[in-house]
């Protein structure tokens, strides 16, 4: 059960934070189909930051001394770098959508096509191969929280809570949860959030009250890019061993499905992320899941093809959207370029 919960969280938390990224863009009136591309770019920036800092030897002493607090600070800096560059990358979508009044679906698709090509181009220049990875060690040895950090030995027990939510987890996951809670409150309990949502529902009425619709849409898309970039690095760190290869396994598109299934509401999105994360966990680890704790891997013993388990998350996505999309209520003005002279 501990393994199942930990693995579900590893997949659910990046989905949750990237789905919230989509909410901020679409609540402001911009359709952000570029979440996949921004995730890819954010993952590359984060891994590159880790690689360069390792090569510079800045944290070698901390790693050698097992100074996990310094290493967690290093992890947070990488997340910050990914968020900043994700926000910068999203400005391309903002400029095309707000200033040029271009079709937002086409703009997002163009960024999704450009991001992996751009990332692979830089990886080939930097590493002369198709995958960028850490200069030394791996994500688990550098960044994973171990129970030994809290004075527990190999044979000591931390209890179910400690073994599940502390031992062999990543600080990045909990930072994402805190960011998610803070931004959910910002979106629904502050003046800024009210103004942002009004620009996605009725921008003409918002403009008549003195709200700058263009600035709010830039703000919404920039926050969206920062969250998607951060989510891309967290995905690469927790599930891809801190590597970047121009691919995030369709997590950006899954996040869009989570956003629609969650009806653009943060609490619903959190629940939907756990559901999709569970199926991703089953797809990735079905041979290791021991439900009864008796050493019998029931899913493996069923004899079902491994391809079915890998297909399962995406199949569930299609089924969920088929049955729930009719009840979803998107912001009324999303995808519609704002014309100040229109009433």
C-alpha atoms as a PDB file:
ATOM      1  CA  UNK A   1       0.000   0.000   0.000  1.00  0.00           C
ATOM      2  CA  UNK A   2       2.866   2.379   0.807  1.00  0.00           C
ATOM      3  CA  UNK A   3       4.396   1.731  -2.621  1.00  0.00           C
ATOM      4  CA  UNK A   4       1.044   2.251  -4.361  1.00  0.00           C
ATOM      5  CA  UNK A   5       0.378   5.562  -2.592  1.00  0.00           C
ATOM      6  CA  UNK A   6       3.897   6.893  -3.214  1.00  0.00           C
ATOM      7  CA  UNK A   7       3.831   5.975  -6.894  1.00  0.00           C
ATOM      8  CA  UNK A   8       0.353   7.446  -7.351  1.00  0.00           C
ATOM      9  CA  UNK A   9       1.543  10.725  -5.840  1.00  0.00           C
ATOM     10  CA  UNK A  10       4.564  10.805  -8.142  1.00  0.00           C
ATOM     11  CA  UNK A  11       2.272  10.766 -11.175  1.00  0.00           C
ATOM     12  CA  UNK A  12      -0.664  12.739  -9.719  1.00  0.00           C
ATOM     13  CA  UNK A  13       1.205  15.807  -8.478  1.00  0.00           C
ATOM     14  CA  UNK A  14       2.707  16.878 -11.845  1.00  0.00           C
ATOM     15  CA  UNK A  15      -0.728  16.353 -13.415  1.00  0.00           C
ATOM     16  CA  UNK A  16      -2.339  18.438 -10.687  1.00  0.00           C
ATOM     17  CA  UNK A  17       0.012  21.418 -10.991  1.00  0.00           C
ATOM     18  CA  UNK A  18      -0.062  21.420 -14.822  1.00  0.00           C
ATOM     19  CA  UNK A  19      -3.868  21.139 -14.859  1.00  0.00           C
ATOM     20  CA  UNK A  20      -3.975  24.208 -12.587  1.00  0.00           C
ATOM     21  CA  UNK A  21      -1.714  25.898 -15.139  1.00  0.00           C
ATOM     22  CA  UNK A  22      -4.387  25.295 -17.742  1.00  0.00           C
ATOM     23  CA  UNK A  23      -7.031  26.737 -15.403  1.00  0.00           C
ATOM     24  CA  UNK A  24      -5.163  30.038 -14.982  1.00  0.00           C
ATOM     25  CA  UNK A  25      -4.795  30.503 -18.728  1.00  0.00           C
ATOM     26  CA  UNK A  26      -8.344  29.522 -19.606  1.00  0.00           C
ATOM     27  CA  UNK A  27      -9.935  31.472 -16.758  1.00  0.00           C
ATOM     28  CA  UNK A  28      -8.284  34.550 -18.253  1.00  0.00           C
ATOM     29  CA  UNK A  29      -9.673  33.690 -21.694  1.00  0.00           C
ATOM     30  CA  UNK A  30      -6.654  32.032 -23.371  1.00  0.00           C
ATOM     31  CA  UNK A  31      -6.762  28.382 -24.435  1.00  0.00           C
ATOM     32  CA  UNK A  32      -3.396  26.952 -23.470  1.00  0.00           C
ATOM     33  CA  UNK A  33      -2.943  23.819 -25.560  1.00  0.00           C
ATOM     34  CA  UNK A  34       0.801  24.337 -25.260  1.00  0.00           C
ATOM     35  CA  UNK A  35       1.017  22.720 -21.803  1.00  0.00           C
ATOM     36  CA  UNK A  36       2.791  19.703 -23.262  1.00  0.00           C
ATOM     37  CA  UNK A  37       5.393  21.847 -25.000  1.00  0.00           C
ATOM     38  CA  UNK A  38       5.960  24.056 -21.950  1.00  0.00           C
ATOM     39  CA  UNK A  39       6.388  20.948 -19.791  1.00  0.00           C
ATOM     40  CA  UNK A  40       9.020  19.632 -22.193  1.00  0.00           C
ATOM     41  CA  UNK A  41      10.849  22.959 -22.134  1.00  0.00           C
ATOM     42  CA  UNK A  42      10.617  23.229 -18.335  1.00  0.00           C
ATOM     43  CA  UNK A  43      11.940  19.692 -17.882  1.00  0.00           C
ATOM     44  CA  UNK A  44      14.904  20.512 -20.108  1.00  0.00           C
ATOM     45  CA  UNK A  45      15.713  23.741 -18.240  1.00  0.00           C
ATOM     46  CA  UNK A  46      15.533  22.030 -14.841  1.00  0.00           C
ATOM     47  CA  UNK A  47      17.742  19.111 -15.849  1.00  0.00           C
ATOM     48  CA  UNK A  48      20.178  21.498 -17.551  1.00  0.00           C
ATOM     49  CA  UNK A  49      20.371  23.582 -14.369  1.00  0.00           C
ATOM     50  CA  UNK A  50      21.119  20.475 -12.302  1.00  0.00           C
ATOM     51  CA  UNK A  51      23.718  19.304 -14.819  1.00  0.00           C
ATOM     52  CA  UNK A  52      25.542  22.644 -14.988  1.00  0.00           C
ATOM     53  CA  UNK A  53      25.595  23.134 -11.222  1.00  0.00           C
ATOM     54  CA  UNK A  54      26.925  19.615 -10.743  1.00  0.00           C
ATOM     55  CA  UNK A  55      29.668  20.221 -13.302  1.00  0.00           C
ATOM     56  CA  UNK A  56      30.581  23.442 -11.511  1.00  0.00           C
ATOM     57  CA  UNK A  57      31.044  21.413  -8.317  1.00  0.00           C
ATOM     58  CA  UNK A  58      29.009  23.830  -6.203  1.00  0.00           C
ATOM     59  CA  UNK A  59      27.093  21.132  -4.343  1.00  0.00           C
ATOM     60  CA  UNK A  60      29.685  18.359  -4.362  1.00  0.00           C
ATOM     61  CA  UNK A  61      30.690  19.087  -0.761  1.00  0.00           C
ATOM     62  CA  UNK A  62      27.062  19.042   0.372  1.00  0.00           C
ATOM     63  CA  UNK A  63      26.480  15.761  -1.451  1.00  0.00           C
ATOM     64  CA  UNK A  64      29.599  14.177   0.010  1.00  0.00           C
ATOM     65  CA  UNK A  65      28.634  15.279   3.520  1.00  0.00           C
ATOM     66  CA  UNK A  66      25.054  14.072   3.012  1.00  0.00           C
ATOM     67  CA  UNK A  67      23.824  17.606   3.690  1.00  0.00           C
ATOM     68  CA  UNK A  68      20.268  16.997   2.555  1.00  0.00           C
ATOM     69  CA  UNK A  69      19.050  20.493   3.466  1.00  0.00           C
ATOM     70  CA  UNK A  70      21.511  22.051   0.994  1.00  0.00           C
ATOM     71  CA  UNK A  71      20.535  19.504  -1.643  1.00  0.00           C
ATOM     72  CA  UNK A  72      16.843  20.277  -1.177  1.00  0.00           C
ATOM     73  CA  UNK A  73      17.675  23.952  -1.690  1.00  0.00           C
ATOM     74  CA  UNK A  74      19.426  22.950  -4.909  1.00  0.00           C
ATOM     75  CA  UNK A  75      16.252  21.116  -5.975  1.00  0.00           C
ATOM     76  CA  UNK A  76      14.109  24.187  -5.263  1.00  0.00           C
ATOM     77  CA  UNK A  77      16.437  26.384  -7.322  1.00  0.00           C
ATOM     78  CA  UNK A  78      16.049  24.006 -10.260  1.00  0.00           C
ATOM     79  CA  UNK A  79      12.265  24.213  -9.879  1.00  0.00           C
ATOM     80  CA  UNK A  80      12.480  28.010  -9.838  1.00  0.00           C
ATOM     81  CA  UNK A  81      14.610  28.054 -13.002  1.00  0.00           C
ATOM     82  CA  UNK A  82      12.087  25.803 -14.770  1.00  0.00           C
ATOM     83  CA  UNK A  83       9.191  28.003 -13.668  1.00  0.00           C
ATOM     84  CA  UNK A  84      10.882  31.202 -14.863  1.00  0.00           C
ATOM     85  CA  UNK A  85      11.783  29.799 -18.272  1.00  0.00           C
ATOM     86  CA  UNK A  86       8.358  28.187 -18.630  1.00  0.00           C
ATOM     87  CA  UNK A  87       6.828  31.621 -18.046  1.00  0.00           C
ATOM     88  CA  UNK A  88       9.157  33.150 -20.644  1.00  0.00           C
ATOM     89  CA  UNK A  89       8.303  30.426 -23.169  1.00  0.00           C
ATOM     90  CA  UNK A  90       4.564  31.006 -22.602  1.00  0.00           C
ATOM     91  CA  UNK A  91       4.989  34.655 -23.628  1.00  0.00           C
ATOM     92  CA  UNK A  92       5.056  33.415 -27.227  1.00  0.00           C
ATOM     93  CA  UNK A  93       1.493  32.188 -26.791  1.00  0.00           C
ATOM     94  CA  UNK A  94       0.478  35.388 -24.988  1.00  0.00           C
ATOM     95  CA  UNK A  95       1.881  37.600 -27.728  1.00  0.00           C
ATOM     96  CA  UNK A  96       0.248  35.584 -30.508  1.00  0.00           C
ATOM     97  CA  UNK A  97      -3.113  35.426 -28.729  1.00  0.00           C
ATOM     98  CA  UNK A  98      -3.365  38.925 -27.256  1.00  0.00           C
ATOM     99  CA  UNK A  99      -1.363  41.186 -29.570  1.00  0.00           C
ATOM    100  CA  UNK A 100      -1.724  39.356 -32.877  1.00  0.00           C
ATOM    101  CA  UNK A 101      -5.207  37.960 -32.100  1.00  0.00           C
ATOM    102  CA  UNK A 102      -4.125  34.696 -33.689  1.00  0.00           C
ATOM    103  CA  UNK A 103      -6.045  31.446 -33.405  1.00  0.00           C
ATOM    104  CA  UNK A 104      -5.116  30.155 -29.955  1.00  0.00           C
ATOM    105  CA  UNK A 105      -5.523  26.480 -30.849  1.00  0.00           C
ATOM    106  CA  UNK A 106      -3.084  26.807 -33.735  1.00  0.00           C
ATOM    107  CA  UNK A 107      -0.681  28.840 -31.577  1.00  0.00           C
ATOM    108  CA  UNK A 108      -0.658  26.215 -28.831  1.00  0.00           C
ATOM    109  CA  UNK A 109      -0.186  23.407 -31.344  1.00  0.00           C
ATOM    110  CA  UNK A 110       2.723  25.285 -32.923  1.00  0.00           C
ATOM    111  CA  UNK A 111       4.455  25.574 -29.529  1.00  0.00           C
ATOM    112  CA  UNK A 112       3.875  21.871 -28.895  1.00  0.00           C
ATOM    113  CA  UNK A 113       5.623  21.113 -32.178  1.00  0.00           C
ATOM    114  CA  UNK A 114       8.428  23.588 -31.599  1.00  0.00           C
ATOM    115  CA  UNK A 115       9.321  22.657 -28.006  1.00  0.00           C
ATOM    116  CA  UNK A 116      10.565  19.067 -28.523  1.00  0.00           C
ATOM    117  CA  UNK A 117      12.472  20.048 -31.655  1.00  0.00           C
ATOM    118  CA  UNK A 118      14.095  23.002 -29.853  1.00  0.00           C
ATOM    119  CA  UNK A 119      14.930  20.903 -26.798  1.00  0.00           C
ATOM    120  CA  UNK A 120      16.452  18.071 -28.819  1.00  0.00           C
ATOM    121  CA  UNK A 121      18.483  20.617 -30.801  1.00  0.00           C
ATOM    122  CA  UNK A 122      19.956  22.056 -27.595  1.00  0.00           C
ATOM    123  CA  UNK A 123      20.535  18.606 -26.090  1.00  0.00           C
ATOM    124  CA  UNK A 124      22.484  17.540 -29.189  1.00  0.00           C
ATOM    125  CA  UNK A 125      24.629  20.674 -28.912  1.00  0.00           C
ATOM    126  CA  UNK A 126      25.201  20.345 -25.165  1.00  0.00           C
ATOM    127  CA  UNK A 127      25.461  16.575 -24.661  1.00  0.00           C
ATOM    128  CA  UNK A 128      26.002  15.300 -28.220  1.00  0.00           C
ATOM    129  CA  UNK A 129      23.282  12.718 -27.640  1.00  0.00           C
ATOM    130  CA  UNK A 130      19.499  12.514 -27.520  1.00  0.00           C
ATOM    131  CA  UNK A 131      19.129  12.544 -23.732  1.00  0.00           C
ATOM    132  CA  UNK A 132      20.334  15.092 -21.201  1.00  0.00           C
ATOM    133  CA  UNK A 133      20.911  13.715 -17.721  1.00  0.00           C
ATOM    134  CA  UNK A 134      22.602  14.546 -14.453  1.00  0.00           C
ATOM    135  CA  UNK A 135      26.380  14.907 -14.579  1.00  0.00           C
ATOM    136  CA  UNK A 136      26.845  12.534 -11.624  1.00  0.00           C
ATOM    137  CA  UNK A 137      24.607  10.195  -9.668  1.00  0.00           C
ATOM    138  CA  UNK A 138      20.855   9.944 -10.086  1.00  0.00           C
ATOM    139  CA  UNK A 139      17.745  11.704  -8.817  1.00  0.00           C
ATOM    140  CA  UNK A 140      17.176   9.267  -5.955  1.00  0.00           C
ATOM    141  CA  UNK A 141      20.698   9.569  -4.542  1.00  0.00           C
ATOM    142  CA  UNK A 142      20.729  13.374  -4.745  1.00  0.00           C
ATOM    143  CA  UNK A 143      17.204  14.524  -4.019  1.00  0.00           C
ATOM    144  CA  UNK A 144      15.070  11.749  -2.537  1.00  0.00           C
ATOM    145  CA  UNK A 145      14.304  12.199   1.163  1.00  0.00           C
ATOM    146  CA  UNK A 146      15.560   9.209   3.162  1.00  0.00           C
ATOM    147  CA  UNK A 147      14.478   8.171   6.656  1.00  0.00           C
ATOM    148  CA  UNK A 148      18.142   8.242   7.723  1.00  0.00           C
ATOM    149  CA  UNK A 149      17.956  12.052   7.510  1.00  0.00           C
ATOM    150  CA  UNK A 150      15.651  11.986  10.540  1.00  0.00           C
ATOM    151  CA  UNK A 151      17.780   9.645  12.643  1.00  0.00           C
ATOM    152  CA  UNK A 152      16.083   6.389  11.692  1.00  0.00           C
ATOM    153  CA  UNK A 153      18.277   3.405  10.880  1.00  0.00           C
ATOM    154  CA  UNK A 154      17.721   0.725   8.299  1.00  0.00           C
ATOM    155  CA  UNK A 155      15.726  -1.495  10.655  1.00  0.00           C
ATOM    156  CA  UNK A 156      13.802   1.252  12.414  1.00  0.00           C
ATOM    157  CA  UNK A 157      10.168   1.911  11.601  1.00  0.00           C
ATOM    158  CA  UNK A 158       8.761   5.394  11.039  1.00  0.00           C
ATOM    159  CA  UNK A 159       5.187   4.180  11.120  1.00  0.00           C
ATOM    160  CA  UNK A 160       2.793   4.100   8.173  1.00  0.00           C
ATOM    161  CA  UNK A 161       2.622   7.885   7.773  1.00  0.00           C
ATOM    162  CA  UNK A 162       6.389   8.344   7.887  1.00  0.00           C
ATOM    163  CA  UNK A 163       7.121   5.427   5.577  1.00  0.00           C
ATOM    164  CA  UNK A 164       4.504   6.603   3.085  1.00  0.00           C
ATOM    165  CA  UNK A 165       4.782  10.388   3.076  1.00  0.00           C
ATOM    166  CA  UNK A 166       8.349  11.075   4.250  1.00  0.00           C
ATOM    167  CA  UNK A 167      10.708   8.220   3.438  1.00  0.00           C
ATOM    168  CA  UNK A 168      11.707   7.962  -0.244  1.00  0.00           C
ATOM    169  CA  UNK A 169       9.725  11.021  -1.314  1.00  0.00           C
ATOM    170  CA  UNK A 170      10.734  14.302  -2.980  1.00  0.00           C
ATOM    171  CA  UNK A 171      10.457  17.770  -1.484  1.00  0.00           C
ATOM    172  CA  UNK A 172       9.422  19.022  -4.936  1.00  0.00           C
ATOM    173  CA  UNK A 173       6.145  17.118  -4.639  1.00  0.00           C
ATOM    174  CA  UNK A 174       5.187  18.881  -1.408  1.00  0.00           C
ATOM    175  CA  UNK A 175       6.244  22.257  -2.772  1.00  0.00           C
ATOM    176  CA  UNK A 176       3.859  21.683  -5.681  1.00  0.00           C
ATOM    177  CA  UNK A 177       1.039  20.882  -3.253  1.00  0.00           C
ATOM    178  CA  UNK A 178       1.677  24.120  -1.326  1.00  0.00           C
ATOM    179  CA  UNK A 179       1.835  26.126  -4.574  1.00  0.00           C
ATOM    180  CA  UNK A 180      -1.408  24.488  -5.703  1.00  0.00           C
ATOM    181  CA  UNK A 181      -3.199  25.455  -2.474  1.00  0.00           C
ATOM    182  CA  UNK A 182      -1.848  29.011  -2.528  1.00  0.00           C
ATOM    183  CA  UNK A 183      -2.835  29.627  -6.158  1.00  0.00           C
ATOM    184  CA  UNK A 184      -6.260  28.034  -5.702  1.00  0.00           C
ATOM    185  CA  UNK A 185      -6.897  30.535  -2.894  1.00  0.00           C
ATOM    186  CA  UNK A 186      -5.484  33.336  -5.061  1.00  0.00           C
ATOM    187  CA  UNK A 187      -7.835  32.439  -7.903  1.00  0.00           C
ATOM    188  CA  UNK A 188     -11.037  32.271  -5.862  1.00  0.00           C
ATOM    189  CA  UNK A 189     -10.510  34.383  -2.751  1.00  0.00           C
ATOM    190  CA  UNK A 190      -8.674  37.510  -3.941  1.00  0.00           C
ATOM    191  CA  UNK A 191      -9.421  40.593  -6.023  1.00  0.00           C
ATOM    192  CA  UNK A 192      -6.808  39.514  -8.575  1.00  0.00           C
ATOM    193  CA  UNK A 193      -8.488  36.132  -9.005  1.00  0.00           C
ATOM    194  CA  UNK A 194     -11.911  37.728  -9.449  1.00  0.00           C
ATOM    195  CA  UNK A 195     -10.583  40.088 -12.107  1.00  0.00           C
ATOM    196  CA  UNK A 196      -8.797  37.229 -13.890  1.00  0.00           C
ATOM    197  CA  UNK A 197     -11.936  35.099 -13.988  1.00  0.00           C
ATOM    198  CA  UNK A 198     -14.060  38.019 -15.166  1.00  0.00           C
ATOM    199  CA  UNK A 199     -11.776  38.416 -18.195  1.00  0.00           C
ATOM    200  CA  UNK A 200     -12.503  34.826 -19.164  1.00  0.00           C
ATOM    201  CA  UNK A 201     -16.251  35.150 -18.692  1.00  0.00           C
ATOM    202  CA  UNK A 202     -17.107  38.634 -19.982  1.00  0.00           C
ATOM    203  CA  UNK A 203     -14.078  40.722 -20.945  1.00  0.00           C
ATOM    204  CA  UNK A 204     -16.217  43.614 -22.230  1.00  0.00           C
ATOM    205  CA  UNK A 205     -17.903  43.996 -18.839  1.00  0.00           C
ATOM    206  CA  UNK A 206     -14.521  43.710 -17.096  1.00  0.00           C
ATOM    207  CA  UNK A 207     -13.084  46.423 -19.345  1.00  0.00           C
ATOM    208  CA  UNK A 208     -16.029  48.716 -18.577  1.00  0.00           C
ATOM    209  CA  UNK A 209     -15.056  48.480 -14.889  1.00  0.00           C
ATOM    210  CA  UNK A 210     -11.505  49.599 -15.604  1.00  0.00           C
ATOM    211  CA  UNK A 211      -9.832  46.166 -15.710  1.00  0.00           C
ATOM    212  CA  UNK A 212      -7.073  45.888 -18.298  1.00  0.00           C
ATOM    213  CA  UNK A 213      -8.078  42.704 -20.091  1.00  0.00           C
ATOM    214  CA  UNK A 214      -4.819  42.463 -22.038  1.00  0.00           C
ATOM    215  CA  UNK A 215      -2.692  42.640 -18.890  1.00  0.00           C
ATOM    216  CA  UNK A 216      -4.848  40.099 -17.070  1.00  0.00           C
ATOM    217  CA  UNK A 217      -4.622  37.655 -19.959  1.00  0.00           C
ATOM    218  CA  UNK A 218      -0.862  38.100 -20.055  1.00  0.00           C
ATOM    219  CA  UNK A 219      -0.765  37.489 -16.297  1.00  0.00           C
ATOM    220  CA  UNK A 220      -2.928  34.369 -16.513  1.00  0.00           C
ATOM    221  CA  UNK A 221      -0.890  32.847 -19.327  1.00  0.00           C
ATOM    222  CA  UNK A 222       2.422  33.722 -17.654  1.00  0.00           C
ATOM    223  CA  UNK A 223       1.364  32.039 -14.404  1.00  0.00           C
ATOM    224  CA  UNK A 224       0.187  29.120 -16.510  1.00  0.00           C
ATOM    225  CA  UNK A 225       3.591  28.864 -18.195  1.00  0.00           C
ATOM    226  CA  UNK A 226       5.429  29.021 -14.868  1.00  0.00           C
ATOM    227  CA  UNK A 227       3.312  26.215 -13.406  1.00  0.00           C
ATOM    228  CA  UNK A 228       3.651  24.059 -16.515  1.00  0.00           C
ATOM    229  CA  UNK A 229       7.430  24.557 -16.580  1.00  0.00           C
ATOM    230  CA  UNK A 230       7.647  23.628 -12.909  1.00  0.00           C
ATOM    231  CA  UNK A 231       5.436  20.599 -13.508  1.00  0.00           C
ATOM    232  CA  UNK A 232       7.673  19.499 -16.364  1.00  0.00           C
ATOM    233  CA  UNK A 233      10.748  19.496 -14.147  1.00  0.00           C
ATOM    234  CA  UNK A 234       8.928  17.719 -11.309  1.00  0.00           C
ATOM    235  CA  UNK A 235       7.846  15.050 -13.801  1.00  0.00           C
ATOM    236  CA  UNK A 236      11.419  14.653 -15.056  1.00  0.00           C
ATOM    237  CA  UNK A 237      12.793  14.549 -11.510  1.00  0.00           C
ATOM    238  CA  UNK A 238      10.358  12.092  -9.977  1.00  0.00           C
ATOM    239  CA  UNK A 239       9.472   9.713 -12.813  1.00  0.00           C
ATOM    240  CA  UNK A 240      12.258  10.071 -15.403  1.00  0.00           C
ATOM    241  CA  UNK A 241      15.337  10.018 -13.111  1.00  0.00           C
ATOM    242  CA  UNK A 242      16.060  13.689 -13.826  1.00  0.00           C
ATOM    243  CA  UNK A 243      16.538  13.270 -17.571  1.00  0.00           C
ATOM    244  CA  UNK A 244      15.249  15.304 -20.516  1.00  0.00           C
ATOM    245  CA  UNK A 245      14.738  13.897 -24.002  1.00  0.00           C
ATOM    246  CA  UNK A 246      12.044  16.104 -25.538  1.00  0.00           C
ATOM    247  CA  UNK A 247       9.183  13.969 -24.240  1.00  0.00           C
ATOM    248  CA  UNK A 248       6.926  13.963 -21.156  1.00  0.00           C
ATOM    249  CA  UNK A 249       4.777  10.942 -22.114  1.00  0.00           C
ATOM    250  CA  UNK A 250       1.740  13.044 -23.000  1.00  0.00           C
ATOM    251  CA  UNK A 251       1.372  14.462 -19.489  1.00  0.00           C
ATOM    252  CA  UNK A 252       0.479  17.892 -20.857  1.00  0.00           C
ATOM    253  CA  UNK A 253      -2.486  16.471 -22.749  1.00  0.00           C
ATOM    254  CA  UNK A 254      -3.471  14.323 -19.766  1.00  0.00           C
ATOM    255  CA  UNK A 255      -3.419  17.503 -17.664  1.00  0.00           C
ATOM    256  CA  UNK A 256      -5.851  19.106 -20.113  1.00  0.00           C
ATOM    257  CA  UNK A 257      -8.144  16.100 -19.661  1.00  0.00           C
ATOM    258  CA  UNK A 258      -7.828  16.423 -15.870  1.00  0.00           C
ATOM    259  CA  UNK A 259      -8.707  20.125 -16.130  1.00  0.00           C
ATOM    260  CA  UNK A 260     -11.842  19.416 -18.187  1.00  0.00           C
ATOM    261  CA  UNK A 261     -12.848  16.482 -15.978  1.00  0.00           C
ATOM    262  CA  UNK A 262     -12.341  18.713 -12.940  1.00  0.00           C
ATOM    263  CA  UNK A 263     -14.575  21.371 -14.530  1.00  0.00           C
ATOM    264  CA  UNK A 264     -11.887  24.076 -14.175  1.00  0.00           C
ATOM    265  CA  UNK A 265     -12.133  23.891 -10.349  1.00  0.00           C
ATOM    266  CA  UNK A 266      -9.013  23.254  -8.227  1.00  0.00           C
ATOM    267  CA  UNK A 267     -10.600  20.836  -5.731  1.00  0.00           C
ATOM    268  CA  UNK A 268     -12.111  18.710  -8.492  1.00  0.00           C
ATOM    269  CA  UNK A 269      -8.796  18.810 -10.334  1.00  0.00           C
ATOM    270  CA  UNK A 270      -6.977  17.449  -7.280  1.00  0.00           C
ATOM    271  CA  UNK A 271      -9.362  14.476  -7.127  1.00  0.00           C
ATOM    272  CA  UNK A 272      -9.158  13.855 -10.861  1.00  0.00           C
ATOM    273  CA  UNK A 273      -5.352  13.970 -10.700  1.00  0.00           C
ATOM    274  CA  UNK A 274      -5.321  11.236  -8.060  1.00  0.00           C
ATOM    275  CA  UNK A 275      -7.574   9.090 -10.251  1.00  0.00           C
ATOM    276  CA  UNK A 276      -5.416   9.513 -13.347  1.00  0.00           C
ATOM    277  CA  UNK A 277      -2.249   9.172 -11.266  1.00  0.00           C
ATOM    278  CA  UNK A 278      -3.470   5.833  -9.944  1.00  0.00           C
ATOM    279  CA  UNK A 279      -3.934   4.464 -13.455  1.00  0.00           C
ATOM    280  CA  UNK A 280      -0.528   5.801 -14.504  1.00  0.00           C
ATOM    281  CA  UNK A 281       0.932   4.054 -11.463  1.00  0.00           C
ATOM    282  CA  UNK A 282      -0.747   0.785 -12.453  1.00  0.00           C
ATOM    283  CA  UNK A 283       0.519   1.148 -16.019  1.00  0.00           C
ATOM    284  CA  UNK A 284       4.109   1.742 -14.908  1.00  0.00           C
ATOM    285  CA  UNK A 285       4.338  -0.630 -11.928  1.00  0.00           C
ATOM    286  CA  UNK A 286       1.743  -3.373 -12.369  1.00  0.00           C
ATOM    287  CA  UNK A 287       4.421  -6.068 -12.045  1.00  0.00           C
ATOM    288  CA  UNK A 288       5.442  -4.734  -8.610  1.00  0.00           C
ATOM    289  CA  UNK A 289       2.058  -3.990  -7.035  1.00  0.00           C
ATOM    290  CA  UNK A 290       1.343  -6.387  -4.190  1.00  0.00           C
ATOM    291  CA  UNK A 291      -2.215  -5.547  -3.127  1.00  0.00           C
ATOM    292  CA  UNK A 292      -2.541  -8.059  -0.280  1.00  0.00           C
ATOM    293  CA  UNK A 293       1.025  -7.792   0.989  1.00  0.00           C
ATOM    294  CA  UNK A 294       1.521 -11.558   0.627  1.00  0.00           C
ATOM    295  CA  UNK A 295       4.151 -11.442  -2.094  1.00  0.00           C
ATOM    296  CA  UNK A 296       1.662 -12.344  -4.853  1.00  0.00           C
ATOM    297  CA  UNK A 297       1.504  -9.763  -7.632  1.00  0.00           C
ATOM    298  CA  UNK A 298      -2.141 -10.154  -8.619  1.00  0.00           C
ATOM    299  CA  UNK A 299      -2.089  -7.834 -11.623  1.00  0.00           C
ATOM    300  CA  UNK A 300       0.933  -9.639 -13.036  1.00  0.00           C
ATOM    301  CA  UNK A 301      -0.680 -13.034 -12.464  1.00  0.00           C
ATOM    302  CA  UNK A 302      -3.778 -12.096 -14.480  1.00  0.00           C
ATOM    303  CA  UNK A 303      -1.835 -12.710 -17.688  1.00  0.00           C
ATOM    304  CA  UNK A 304      -3.040  -9.507 -19.357  1.00  0.00           C
ATOM    305  CA  UNK A 305      -0.675  -8.032 -21.933  1.00  0.00           C
ATOM    306  CA  UNK A 306       1.613  -5.281 -20.662  1.00  0.00           C
ATOM    307  CA  UNK A 307       0.484  -3.127 -23.586  1.00  0.00           C
ATOM    308  CA  UNK A 308      -3.016  -3.003 -22.090  1.00  0.00           C
ATOM    309  CA  UNK A 309      -1.718  -1.579 -18.822  1.00  0.00           C
ATOM    310  CA  UNK A 310       0.313   1.054 -20.702  1.00  0.00           C
ATOM    311  CA  UNK A 311      -2.782   1.932 -22.722  1.00  0.00           C
ATOM    312  CA  UNK A 312      -5.024   2.092 -19.644  1.00  0.00           C
ATOM    313  CA  UNK A 313      -4.415   5.744 -18.560  1.00  0.00           C
ATOM    314  CA  UNK A 314      -5.144   7.091 -22.027  1.00  0.00           C
ATOM    315  CA  UNK A 315      -8.150   4.783 -22.486  1.00  0.00           C
ATOM    316  CA  UNK A 316      -9.555   5.980 -19.159  1.00  0.00           C
ATOM    317  CA  UNK A 317      -8.970   9.561 -20.338  1.00  0.00           C
ATOM    318  CA  UNK A 318     -11.079   9.023 -23.450  1.00  0.00           C
ATOM    319  CA  UNK A 319     -13.865   7.288 -21.523  1.00  0.00           C
ATOM    320  CA  UNK A 320     -13.976   9.941 -18.802  1.00  0.00           C
ATOM    321  CA  UNK A 321     -14.081  12.798 -21.317  1.00  0.00           C
ATOM    322  CA  UNK A 322     -16.758  11.022 -23.375  1.00  0.00           C
ATOM    323  CA  UNK A 323     -19.082  10.797 -20.360  1.00  0.00           C
ATOM    324  CA  UNK A 324     -18.283  14.044 -18.554  1.00  0.00           C
ATOM    325  CA  UNK A 325     -17.421  16.651 -21.199  1.00  0.00           C
ATOM    326  CA  UNK A 326     -21.108  17.478 -21.823  1.00  0.00           C
ATOM    327  CA  UNK A 327     -21.478  18.608 -18.212  1.00  0.00           C
ATOM    328  CA  UNK A 328     -18.271  20.629 -18.241  1.00  0.00           C
ATOM    329  CA  UNK A 329     -18.665  24.377 -18.291  1.00  0.00           C
ATOM    330  CA  UNK A 330     -15.726  26.188 -19.818  1.00  0.00           C
ATOM    331  CA  UNK A 331     -15.219  29.958 -19.371  1.00  0.00           C
ATOM    332  CA  UNK A 332     -17.531  31.669 -21.855  1.00  0.00           C
ATOM    333  CA  UNK A 333     -14.909  33.892 -23.504  1.00  0.00           C
ATOM    334  CA  UNK A 334     -12.044  31.402 -23.714  1.00  0.00           C
ATOM    335  CA  UNK A 335     -10.435  31.223 -27.120  1.00  0.00           C
ATOM    336  CA  UNK A 336     -12.093  34.435 -28.315  1.00  0.00           C
ATOM    337  CA  UNK A 337      -9.611  37.260 -29.072  1.00  0.00           C
ATOM    338  CA  UNK A 338     -10.625  40.378 -27.186  1.00  0.00           C
ATOM    339  CA  UNK A 339     -11.695  43.323 -29.315  1.00  0.00           C
ATOM    340  CA  UNK A 340     -11.910  46.488 -27.260  1.00  0.00           C
ATOM    341  CA  UNK A 341     -14.367  48.076 -29.682  1.00  0.00           C
ATOM    342  CA  UNK A 342     -16.835  45.171 -29.561  1.00  0.00           C
ATOM    343  CA  UNK A 343     -19.869  45.338 -27.274  1.00  0.00           C
END
